[in-house]
Amino acid sequence: AMITSTGWISARLGRKRLYTLSLAAFTLISLMCGNADSLEEEVLWRFLQGVSGAPLIPLSQSIVIDVYPRAESARALGIWAIGMMVGPVIAPPIGGWITDLYGWPAVFFINLPIGLCAFLGAILFIPSTRAERGRRIDAVGLGTLVVGLVAIQLMLNRGTRLDWFASGEILITFSIGVAFLYAFVVHALTGRDTLIDPAMFRDRNYAFGICLIAFFGAQVFLPTLLLPLMLKNLVHYPIDMIGLLLAPRALGIMITSPITGRLAQRSDPRLLVVAGFLMISTSYWFMGQWNLDVGPWEVAWTGLLQGAGSNLIFVPLNALTFRTLDGRYRGDAVPLFYLVLNLGASAGIATVMTYLTQDTQTAHAILSENITLFGDAARDTMAMAGIEREVSRQAGMIAYNNTFIFIAVMAVLPAPFVYLLRPVRT
């Protein structure tokens, strides 16, 4: 709800005011999260933390685009992307390390000095914008969009567990989601002063860019989900080593961020986006050849390649998407861009986890067919338990191999469609 209404709220309050209020609220609510006394209280504060933090990324991008000249927008976005993309990669291992040393409340308390510095920086350096007092809230549009998105998100979160459309709950949430999103589209096309102006989609780069960012979102967060599960449950790496092995992905992002913007200015940005998709696809293809003896170096260099590829996609695609868009639409267009990114991520995670679960079951059934009940090992209960554990490990590894190959194919599919974007140099 907050992402979709960020444009309207920032127009009413002014971009700087909303940004500083969101920062202050997020920081204070982090303090409350760390002091929560029950699970219910923690859930409430986490919900409010999500509400307060939702506008920060789209607002920060809008500020960066407005502050820098168009000729330097790609370079500026490259630097800005370091924080936006590195954060989700390094946060899980750092959070685990802090929790082990100081307990779980410290994960929230660490936000206090960071939030205070960010708040003071925003007050001092972010330029103010005029508020548009006359703009009305589109209650119908906001209501239908929020209900539709919540229903679809609930379906994606619970689909794998409930066997998708074999479940009545999934059918109901899917029907509600489709109905309300359809009502939102009809309202946006026929109403006045709607939450999202359909005219922004007449811009070719924005229309195709927002489709491509959904494909990007579908794969960009998968390594932080799949790798810890595989390395812990199948390869039996210690938790601290798993955290370290996620770091090369962040390193790949940081290495390429300063140069990606310059490359986008001096060459066709579409080439960088295509190269990024190919790099990610290549990394997953090599991951599809892993076995239970996979070494740290193999995990590290594929992560480095994924980080570099992700940054080569995100920065030029971001610049291309908004380069030709009329500035009056930016306040609504940027939040929608990140809403689609998040929806793509949810859909990608749901699809891949379903594929992994089903393939694990299939591989386990096939491997189990080769175990005879009449061998010497079958007469020993402990031996059979060991055989079952090994069959489960091998089936899991086969399923991960197939899943990585599936992601490799999924990652390369959007590459040809990048050339539907106009080759605007930034």
Foldseek 3Di string as FASTA:
>chain_A
DLLLCQLVVCQAVWLLVLQLQLLVQLLVLLLVLLVDDDPVSNVVSVVSNCNSNLNNVLSVLLQLCVVDDLLQSLLSVLVVVLCVQLCVLQLVLVQVVCCVVPNNSVSSNVSNVVSVVVSVCSVPPRDTDDHDNPQDAAPLLVVLQVLLVVLVLVLLVCCLVQVAPVDPSNVVSNVSNVVSVVVNVVCLVPDPSYSANPVQCVQQLQVLLLVVLLLLLLPLCVCVVPQVCLCCQQLNDDPNLSSVLSVLLSVLSVVCSNPLSVCLQVDQLLVLQLVLLLLLLVLLLLLLPDDSPDDSVNSNVSSSSNSNSSSSNPSSSVSLNCVPGDPVNSSSSSSSSVVSSNVSNSNSVSVLVSQLVVQLVVQLVVVVVPDDCPDPLVVDPVSVVVVSSVSSSRSNSNSSSVSSNVVSVSSNVCSVVSVSGDRDRD
